[in-house]
Amino acid sequence: AIVVEPLGRAASTTVIKRAIDAGIPVVLCANGIEGDDFTTRVDIDFYEVAYKSGIGLAELMGGEGKVVVFNGIAGVDSTETWQAAALDAFAQYPGVEVIATEYAQWNIATAKQKMEATMAANPEIDGVWAGGGEMALGAGLAFEDAGVDAPKFAMVNVPNGFLRLAQEHGYEFVGAPDPPSMARYCLQAAVDILQGKEVTKFISLRTLMDGADPYDNTDFVQWYVPELNDDFIPPATVGIENYIAGGFERK
């Protein structure tokens, strides 16, 4: 069996189809491809979580305000689906205006730099939506360094570092997890297939683990892990000592 996270819907489709045609089961983990030539996909519903996070941000802003949108890598399934869903959500609120859209490659430093440039050109920013919480973290750091009150935030995937800032500065936010710890369930799906067990075409991560449901600034403390660094993405699904051994200890 093959477990793979496709980095592009179109780019991965042909190779994965060859494996399926050769009788090799393929488990898609965290991203999709064009068509249905795969065995199963373990994931969150990309469109649903991004749409709901967009609605959540609009509601936090009282239905109006200026928003900056951050995306990951152009062409990747999650990037494009998340952005489309968020923009669909904002379209339900005539008072919400997207003033900038940036691709920041899911990189904290890149997002911080782009946020600083956007802040210089747009002194009034009411909300930041990020298709990848690393970029929300970078944006938050830009506001902290500038000594400016942070806007409201919404994101898909919520890193530990953003939760740290939220706790320290009282951020208002909504977040929809897309945790890398789903990998264990992708591998389990492959084992199940090899053991002859039936699997569905799509396996929702939210049915498998705690911490995969959306949350906001009123109930996030249970997922923040202060012993681990900003790069760690909750929830912790094994003992904290395992993450520390893997290099995630907060220094």
C-alpha atoms as a PDB file:
ATOM      1  CA  ALA A   1       0.000   0.000   0.000  1.00  0.00           C
ATOM      2  CA  ILE A   2       1.008   3.613  -0.542  1.00  0.00           C
ATOM      3  CA  VAL A   3       0.221   6.470   1.842  1.00  0.00           C
ATOM      4  CA  VAL A   4       0.795   9.845   0.216  1.00  0.00           C
ATOM      5  CA  GLU A   5       0.119  13.529   0.791  1.00  0.00           C
ATOM      6  CA  PRO A   6      -0.333  15.003  -2.703  1.00  0.00           C
ATOM      7  CA  LEU A   7       1.191  18.449  -3.142  1.00  0.00           C
ATOM      8  CA  GLY A   8      -0.864  19.202  -6.237  1.00  0.00           C
ATOM      9  CA  ARG A   9      -4.208  17.836  -7.404  1.00  0.00           C
ATOM     10  CA  ALA A  10      -3.261  17.556 -11.071  1.00  0.00           C
ATOM     11  CA  ALA A  11       0.433  16.761 -10.657  1.00  0.00           C
ATOM     12  CA  SER A  12      -0.169  13.695  -8.497  1.00  0.00           C
ATOM     13  CA  THR A  13      -3.158  12.233 -10.316  1.00  0.00           C
ATOM     14  CA  THR A  14      -1.396  10.294 -13.081  1.00  0.00           C
ATOM     15  CA  VAL A  15       1.184   8.668 -10.815  1.00  0.00           C
ATOM     16  CA  ILE A  16      -1.439   7.602  -8.277  1.00  0.00           C
ATOM     17  CA  LYS A  17      -3.656   6.196 -11.039  1.00  0.00           C
ATOM     18  CA  ARG A  18      -0.740   4.025 -12.184  1.00  0.00           C
ATOM     19  CA  ALA A  19      -0.489   2.559  -8.698  1.00  0.00           C
ATOM     20  CA  ILE A  20      -4.233   1.872  -8.568  1.00  0.00           C
ATOM     21  CA  ASP A  21      -4.131   0.277 -12.032  1.00  0.00           C
ATOM     22  CA  ALA A  22      -1.303  -1.948 -10.776  1.00  0.00           C
ATOM     23  CA  GLY A  23      -3.480  -3.124  -7.888  1.00  0.00           C
ATOM     24  CA  ILE A  24      -1.697  -1.137  -5.186  1.00  0.00           C
ATOM     25  CA  PRO A  25      -4.021   0.478  -2.610  1.00  0.00           C
ATOM     26  CA  VAL A  26      -3.431   4.226  -2.214  1.00  0.00           C
ATOM     27  CA  VAL A  27      -4.384   6.236   0.872  1.00  0.00           C
ATOM     28  CA  LEU A  28      -4.513   9.999   0.370  1.00  0.00           C
ATOM     29  CA  CYS A  29      -3.514  11.836   3.518  1.00  0.00           C
ATOM     30  CA  ALA A  30      -4.375  15.528   4.013  1.00  0.00           C
ATOM     31  CA  ASN A  31      -4.855  16.486   0.347  1.00  0.00           C
ATOM     32  CA  GLY A  32      -6.816  15.282  -2.666  1.00  0.00           C
ATOM     33  CA  ILE A  33      -6.249  14.669  -6.373  1.00  0.00           C
ATOM     34  CA  GLU A  34      -8.310  15.046  -9.537  1.00  0.00           C
ATOM     35  CA  GLY A  35     -10.844  12.256  -9.919  1.00  0.00           C
ATOM     36  CA  ASP A  36     -11.376   9.230  -7.700  1.00  0.00           C
ATOM     37  CA  ASP A  37      -8.540   6.885  -8.652  1.00  0.00           C
ATOM     38  CA  PHE A  38      -7.504   6.184  -5.069  1.00  0.00           C
ATOM     39  CA  THR A  39      -8.615   3.783  -2.359  1.00  0.00           C
ATOM     40  CA  THR A  40      -9.491   6.154   0.473  1.00  0.00           C
ATOM     41  CA  ARG A  41      -8.731   9.640   1.740  1.00  0.00           C
ATOM     42  CA  VAL A  42      -8.258  10.540   5.410  1.00  0.00           C
ATOM     43  CA  ASP A  43      -8.817  14.243   5.904  1.00  0.00           C
ATOM     44  CA  ILE A  44     -11.010  17.083   7.021  1.00  0.00           C
ATOM     45  CA  ASP A  45     -13.635  18.574   4.711  1.00  0.00           C
ATOM     46  CA  PHE A  46     -11.524  21.378   3.234  1.00  0.00           C
ATOM     47  CA  TYR A  47     -14.388  23.486   1.965  1.00  0.00           C
ATOM     48  CA  GLU A  48     -16.562  23.155   5.044  1.00  0.00           C
ATOM     49  CA  VAL A  49     -13.927  24.136   7.602  1.00  0.00           C
ATOM     50  CA  ALA A  50     -12.639  27.093   5.581  1.00  0.00           C
ATOM     51  CA  TYR A  51     -16.145  28.354   4.875  1.00  0.00           C
ATOM     52  CA  LYS A  52     -17.100  28.144   8.537  1.00  0.00           C
ATOM     53  CA  SER A  53     -13.904  29.901   9.601  1.00  0.00           C
ATOM     54  CA  GLY A  54     -14.673  32.684   7.120  1.00  0.00           C
ATOM     55  CA  ILE A  55     -18.180  33.029   8.512  1.00  0.00           C
ATOM     56  CA  GLY A  56     -16.719  33.029  12.011  1.00  0.00           C
ATOM     57  CA  LEU A  57     -14.332  35.865  11.178  1.00  0.00           C
ATOM     58  CA  ALA A  58     -17.077  37.935   9.578  1.00  0.00           C
ATOM     59  CA  GLU A  59     -19.215  37.469  12.680  1.00  0.00           C
ATOM     60  CA  LEU A  60     -16.331  38.422  14.987  1.00  0.00           C
ATOM     61  CA  MET A  61     -16.007  41.662  12.999  1.00  0.00           C
ATOM     62  CA  GLY A  62     -19.705  42.392  13.319  1.00  0.00           C
ATOM     63  CA  GLY A  63     -20.347  41.672   9.652  1.00  0.00           C
ATOM     64  CA  GLU A  64     -18.104  44.392   8.279  1.00  0.00           C
ATOM     65  CA  GLY A  65     -14.479  45.394   8.020  1.00  0.00           C
ATOM     66  CA  LYS A  66     -11.280  45.065   6.016  1.00  0.00           C
ATOM     67  CA  VAL A  67      -9.688  41.629   5.754  1.00  0.00           C
ATOM     68  CA  VAL A  68      -6.278  40.343   4.689  1.00  0.00           C
ATOM     69  CA  VAL A  69      -6.239  36.801   3.259  1.00  0.00           C
ATOM     70  CA  PHE A  70      -3.169  34.560   3.499  1.00  0.00           C
ATOM     71  CA  ASN A  71      -2.748  31.423   1.388  1.00  0.00           C
ATOM     72  CA  GLY A  72      -0.160  28.652   1.323  1.00  0.00           C
ATOM     73  CA  ILE A  73       1.337  27.341  -1.917  1.00  0.00           C
ATOM     74  CA  ALA A  74      -0.487  28.096  -5.162  1.00  0.00           C
ATOM     75  CA  GLY A  75      -1.965  25.045  -6.868  1.00  0.00           C
ATOM     76  CA  VAL A  76      -2.076  22.804  -3.804  1.00  0.00           C
ATOM     77  CA  ASP A  77      -5.534  21.347  -3.176  1.00  0.00           C
ATOM     78  CA  SER A  78      -5.860  22.684   0.356  1.00  0.00           C
ATOM     79  CA  THR A  79      -4.655  26.165  -0.607  1.00  0.00           C
ATOM     80  CA  GLU A  80      -7.089  26.683  -3.453  1.00  0.00           C
ATOM     81  CA  THR A  81     -10.083  25.035  -1.780  1.00  0.00           C
ATOM     82  CA  TRP A  82      -9.589  26.914   1.476  1.00  0.00           C
ATOM     83  CA  GLN A  83      -9.291  30.257  -0.280  1.00  0.00           C
ATOM     84  CA  ALA A  84     -12.358  29.672  -2.462  1.00  0.00           C
ATOM     85  CA  ALA A  85     -14.421  28.675   0.567  1.00  0.00           C
ATOM     86  CA  ALA A  86     -13.322  31.667   2.642  1.00  0.00           C
ATOM     87  CA  LEU A  87     -14.101  34.075  -0.192  1.00  0.00           C
ATOM     88  CA  ASP A  88     -17.519  32.454  -0.611  1.00  0.00           C
ATOM     89  CA  ALA A  89     -18.122  33.041   3.093  1.00  0.00           C
ATOM     90  CA  PHE A  90     -17.071  36.688   2.936  1.00  0.00           C
ATOM     91  CA  ALA A  91     -19.371  37.189  -0.055  1.00  0.00           C
ATOM     92  CA  GLN A  92     -22.301  36.648   2.307  1.00  0.00           C
ATOM     93  CA  TYR A  93     -21.351  39.887   4.080  1.00  0.00           C
ATOM     94  CA  PRO A  94     -21.459  42.982   1.824  1.00  0.00           C
ATOM     95  CA  GLY A  95     -19.651  44.955   4.512  1.00  0.00           C
ATOM     96  CA  VAL A  96     -16.582  42.707   4.457  1.00  0.00           C
ATOM     97  CA  GLU A  97     -13.851  43.869   2.071  1.00  0.00           C
ATOM     98  CA  VAL A  98     -10.790  41.782   1.187  1.00  0.00           C
ATOM     99  CA  ILE A  99      -8.054  44.399   0.821  1.00  0.00           C
ATOM    100  CA  ALA A 100      -5.093  42.072   0.183  1.00  0.00           C
ATOM    101  CA  THR A 101      -4.468  38.449  -0.781  1.00  0.00           C
ATOM    102  CA  GLU A 102      -1.012  36.980  -0.203  1.00  0.00           C
ATOM    103  CA  TYR A 103       0.652  33.618  -0.818  1.00  0.00           C
ATOM    104  CA  ALA A 104       3.068  33.033   2.049  1.00  0.00           C
ATOM    105  CA  GLN A 105       3.929  29.326   1.581  1.00  0.00           C
ATOM    106  CA  TRP A 106       2.773  28.384   5.097  1.00  0.00           C
ATOM    107  CA  ASN A 107       5.866  30.147   6.390  1.00  0.00           C
ATOM    108  CA  ILE A 108       5.816  32.217   9.578  1.00  0.00           C
ATOM    109  CA  ALA A 109       8.623  34.589   8.558  1.00  0.00           C
ATOM    110  CA  THR A 110       7.218  35.139   5.058  1.00  0.00           C
ATOM    111  CA  ALA A 111       3.762  35.874   6.432  1.00  0.00           C
ATOM    112  CA  LYS A 112       5.219  38.313   8.952  1.00  0.00           C
ATOM    113  CA  GLN A 113       7.068  40.203   6.209  1.00  0.00           C
ATOM    114  CA  LYS A 114       4.003  40.328   3.972  1.00  0.00           C
ATOM    115  CA  MET A 115       1.826  41.427   6.878  1.00  0.00           C
ATOM    116  CA  GLU A 116       4.234  44.250   7.697  1.00  0.00           C
ATOM    117  CA  ALA A 117       4.121  45.446   4.089  1.00  0.00           C
ATOM    118  CA  THR A 118       0.331  45.231   4.024  1.00  0.00           C
ATOM    119  CA  MET A 119       0.066  47.142   7.308  1.00  0.00           C
ATOM    120  CA  ALA A 120       2.220  49.929   5.879  1.00  0.00           C
ATOM    121  CA  ALA A 121      -0.121  50.302   2.914  1.00  0.00           C
ATOM    122  CA  ASN A 122      -3.351  49.734   4.857  1.00  0.00           C
ATOM    123  CA  PRO A 123      -3.427  51.292   8.320  1.00  0.00           C
ATOM    124  CA  GLU A 124      -6.939  49.950   8.945  1.00  0.00           C
ATOM    125  CA  ILE A 125      -7.129  46.147   9.129  1.00  0.00           C
ATOM    126  CA  ASP A 126     -10.005  44.508  10.976  1.00  0.00           C
ATOM    127  CA  GLY A 127      -9.417  40.837  10.267  1.00  0.00           C
ATOM    128  CA  VAL A 128      -6.854  38.311   9.078  1.00  0.00           C
ATOM    129  CA  TRP A 129      -7.905  35.003   7.544  1.00  0.00           C
ATOM    130  CA  ALA A 130      -5.224  32.369   6.953  1.00  0.00           C
ATOM    131  CA  GLY A 131      -5.406  29.113   5.033  1.00  0.00           C
ATOM    132  CA  GLY A 132      -2.747  27.733   7.345  1.00  0.00           C
ATOM    133  CA  GLY A 133      -2.310  28.993  10.890  1.00  0.00           C
ATOM    134  CA  GLU A 134       1.448  29.426  10.518  1.00  0.00           C
ATOM    135  CA  MET A 135       0.607  32.544   8.536  1.00  0.00           C
ATOM    136  CA  ALA A 136      -1.809  33.779  11.192  1.00  0.00           C
ATOM    137  CA  LEU A 137       1.055  33.395  13.665  1.00  0.00           C
ATOM    138  CA  GLY A 138       3.350  35.411  11.388  1.00  0.00           C
ATOM    139  CA  ALA A 139       0.696  38.101  11.030  1.00  0.00           C
ATOM    140  CA  GLY A 140       0.185  38.228  14.781  1.00  0.00           C
ATOM    141  CA  LEU A 141       3.918  38.678  15.339  1.00  0.00           C
ATOM    142  CA  ALA A 142       3.895  41.596  12.896  1.00  0.00           C
ATOM    143  CA  PHE A 143       1.208  43.362  14.915  1.00  0.00           C
ATOM    144  CA  GLU A 144       3.020  42.652  18.182  1.00  0.00           C
ATOM    145  CA  ASP A 145       6.335  43.999  16.850  1.00  0.00           C
ATOM    146  CA  ALA A 146       4.580  47.130  15.596  1.00  0.00           C
ATOM    147  CA  GLY A 147       2.899  47.686  18.948  1.00  0.00           C
ATOM    148  CA  VAL A 148      -0.470  47.832  17.213  1.00  0.00           C
ATOM    149  CA  ASP A 149      -3.657  46.224  18.499  1.00  0.00           C
ATOM    150  CA  ALA A 150      -4.203  42.963  16.660  1.00  0.00           C
ATOM    151  CA  PRO A 151      -7.302  42.418  14.514  1.00  0.00           C
ATOM    152  CA  LYS A 152      -9.633  39.443  14.685  1.00  0.00           C
ATOM    153  CA  PHE A 153      -8.247  36.187  13.272  1.00  0.00           C
ATOM    154  CA  ALA A 154      -9.560  33.064  11.576  1.00  0.00           C
ATOM    155  CA  MET A 155      -7.611  30.150  10.194  1.00  0.00           C
ATOM    156  CA  VAL A 156      -7.515  26.553   9.106  1.00  0.00           C
ATOM    157  CA  ASN A 157      -4.889  24.678  11.111  1.00  0.00           C
ATOM    158  CA  VAL A 158      -3.921  26.222  14.436  1.00  0.00           C
ATOM    159  CA  PRO A 159      -0.249  26.156  15.526  1.00  0.00           C
ATOM    160  CA  ASN A 160       0.847  26.183  19.137  1.00  0.00           C
ATOM    161  CA  GLY A 161       2.549  29.538  18.614  1.00  0.00           C
ATOM    162  CA  PHE A 162      -0.698  31.216  17.654  1.00  0.00           C
ATOM    163  CA  LEU A 163      -2.373  29.792  20.743  1.00  0.00           C
ATOM    164  CA  ARG A 164       0.496  31.216  22.804  1.00  0.00           C
ATOM    165  CA  LEU A 165      -0.118  34.691  21.380  1.00  0.00           C
ATOM    166  CA  ALA A 166      -3.860  34.289  21.861  1.00  0.00           C
ATOM    167  CA  GLN A 167      -3.329  33.468  25.521  1.00  0.00           C
ATOM    168  CA  GLU A 168      -0.807  36.261  26.086  1.00  0.00           C
ATOM    169  CA  HIS A 169      -2.703  39.007  24.254  1.00  0.00           C
ATOM    170  CA  GLY A 170      -6.334  37.968  24.408  1.00  0.00           C
ATOM    171  CA  TYR A 171      -6.843  37.472  20.671  1.00  0.00           C
ATOM    172  CA  GLU A 172     -10.328  36.867  19.368  1.00  0.00           C
ATOM    173  CA  PHE A 173     -10.224  34.101  16.788  1.00  0.00           C
ATOM    174  CA  VAL A 174     -11.821  31.055  15.255  1.00  0.00           C
ATOM    175  CA  GLY A 175      -9.742  28.079  14.183  1.00  0.00           C
ATOM    176  CA  ALA A 176     -10.397  24.845  12.316  1.00  0.00           C
ATOM    177  CA  PRO A 177      -7.718  22.207  13.016  1.00  0.00           C
ATOM    178  CA  ASP A 178      -6.002  20.267  10.235  1.00  0.00           C
ATOM    179  CA  PRO A 179      -3.446  18.517  12.447  1.00  0.00           C
ATOM    180  CA  PRO A 180      -0.468  16.579  11.077  1.00  0.00           C
ATOM    181  CA  SER A 181      -1.178  13.948  13.726  1.00  0.00           C
ATOM    182  CA  MET A 182      -3.749  12.652  11.252  1.00  0.00           C
ATOM    183  CA  ALA A 183      -0.817  10.719   9.756  1.00  0.00           C
ATOM    184  CA  ARG A 184      -1.323   7.936  12.290  1.00  0.00           C
ATOM    185  CA  TYR A 185      -4.875   7.450  11.023  1.00  0.00           C
ATOM    186  CA  CYS A 186      -3.708   7.471   7.407  1.00  0.00           C
ATOM    187  CA  LEU A 187      -1.286   4.674   8.246  1.00  0.00           C
ATOM    188  CA  GLN A 188      -3.998   2.834  10.159  1.00  0.00           C
ATOM    189  CA  ALA A 189      -6.245   3.020   7.095  1.00  0.00           C
ATOM    190  CA  ALA A 190      -3.482   1.405   5.027  1.00  0.00           C
ATOM    191  CA  VAL A 191      -3.093  -1.377   7.587  1.00  0.00           C
ATOM    192  CA  ASP A 192      -6.860  -1.942   7.601  1.00  0.00           C
ATOM    193  CA  ILE A 193      -6.898  -2.227   3.808  1.00  0.00           C
ATOM    194  CA  LEU A 194      -4.032  -4.732   3.814  1.00  0.00           C
ATOM    195  CA  GLN A 195      -5.878  -6.758   6.442  1.00  0.00           C
ATOM    196  CA  GLY A 196      -8.896  -6.945   4.159  1.00  0.00           C
ATOM    197  CA  LYS A 197     -11.113  -4.566   6.106  1.00  0.00           C
ATOM    198  CA  GLU A 198     -13.628  -2.361   4.319  1.00  0.00           C
ATOM    199  CA  VAL A 199     -12.890   1.368   4.253  1.00  0.00           C
ATOM    200  CA  THR A 200     -15.004   4.239   2.982  1.00  0.00           C
ATOM    201  CA  LYS A 201     -13.857   6.519   0.170  1.00  0.00           C
ATOM    202  CA  PHE A 202     -13.535   9.459   2.578  1.00  0.00           C
ATOM    203  CA  ILE A 203     -12.682   9.093   6.260  1.00  0.00           C
ATOM    204  CA  SER A 204     -13.363  12.265   8.234  1.00  0.00           C
ATOM    205  CA  LEU A 205     -10.661  13.044  10.761  1.00  0.00           C
ATOM    206  CA  ARG A 206     -13.293  14.608  13.001  1.00  0.00           C
ATOM    207  CA  THR A 207     -14.758  11.134  13.594  1.00  0.00           C
ATOM    208  CA  LEU A 208     -11.393   9.728  14.682  1.00  0.00           C
ATOM    209  CA  MET A 209      -9.727  12.074  17.151  1.00  0.00           C
ATOM    210  CA  ASP A 210     -10.325  14.722  19.780  1.00  0.00           C
ATOM    211  CA  GLY A 211      -9.066  18.166  18.864  1.00  0.00           C
ATOM    212  CA  ALA A 212     -10.138  18.023  15.221  1.00  0.00           C
ATOM    213  CA  ASP A 213     -13.318  20.061  15.714  1.00  0.00           C
ATOM    214  CA  PRO A 214     -13.275  23.858  15.239  1.00  0.00           C
ATOM    215  CA  TYR A 215     -12.821  26.024  18.328  1.00  0.00           C
ATOM    216  CA  ASP A 216     -12.353  29.685  19.220  1.00  0.00           C
ATOM    217  CA  ASN A 217     -10.844  31.983  21.825  1.00  0.00           C
ATOM    218  CA  THR A 218     -13.351  30.844  24.447  1.00  0.00           C
ATOM    219  CA  ASP A 219     -12.245  27.205  24.585  1.00  0.00           C
ATOM    220  CA  PHE A 220      -8.726  26.784  23.201  1.00  0.00           C
ATOM    221  CA  VAL A 221      -6.669  26.435  26.391  1.00  0.00           C
ATOM    222  CA  GLN A 222      -7.146  22.664  26.486  1.00  0.00           C
ATOM    223  CA  TRP A 223      -5.248  22.373  23.186  1.00  0.00           C
ATOM    224  CA  TYR A 224      -2.363  24.739  23.941  1.00  0.00           C
ATOM    225  CA  VAL A 225       0.786  22.886  25.068  1.00  0.00           C
ATOM    226  CA  PRO A 226       3.110  25.392  26.811  1.00  0.00           C
ATOM    227  CA  GLU A 227       5.957  22.866  27.068  1.00  0.00           C
ATOM    228  CA  LEU A 228       6.171  22.671  23.268  1.00  0.00           C
ATOM    229  CA  ASN A 229       7.415  25.307  20.840  1.00  0.00           C
ATOM    230  CA  ASP A 230       5.553  27.543  18.418  1.00  0.00           C
ATOM    231  CA  ASP A 231       6.016  25.125  15.498  1.00  0.00           C
ATOM    232  CA  PHE A 232       4.082  22.305  17.135  1.00  0.00           C
ATOM    233  CA  ILE A 233       0.541  21.866  15.833  1.00  0.00           C
ATOM    234  CA  PRO A 234      -1.978  20.511  18.369  1.00  0.00           C
ATOM    235  CA  PRO A 235      -3.521  18.308  19.437  1.00  0.00           C
ATOM    236  CA  ALA A 236      -0.906  16.183  21.142  1.00  0.00           C
ATOM    237  CA  THR A 237      -1.880  12.578  20.478  1.00  0.00           C
ATOM    238  CA  VAL A 238       1.059  10.906  22.238  1.00  0.00           C
ATOM    239  CA  GLY A 239       2.951  11.768  25.409  1.00  0.00           C
ATOM    240  CA  ILE A 240       4.582  15.211  25.506  1.00  0.00           C
ATOM    241  CA  GLU A 241       7.958  13.567  26.073  1.00  0.00           C
ATOM    242  CA  ASN A 242       7.771  12.105  22.565  1.00  0.00           C
ATOM    243  CA  TYR A 243       7.408  15.542  20.996  1.00  0.00           C
ATOM    244  CA  ILE A 244      10.238  16.892  23.145  1.00  0.00           C
ATOM    245  CA  ALA A 245      12.448  14.032  21.977  1.00  0.00           C
ATOM    246  CA  GLY A 246      11.488  14.959  18.421  1.00  0.00           C
ATOM    247  CA  GLY A 247      12.764  18.526  18.817  1.00  0.00           C
ATOM    248  CA  PHE A 248       9.582  20.403  19.744  1.00  0.00           C
ATOM    249  CA  GLU A 249      10.629  21.444  23.252  1.00  0.00           C
ATOM    250  CA  ARG A 250      10.094  25.130  24.015  1.00  0.00           C
ATOM    251  CA  LYS A 251      13.467  26.733  24.725  1.00  0.00           C
END
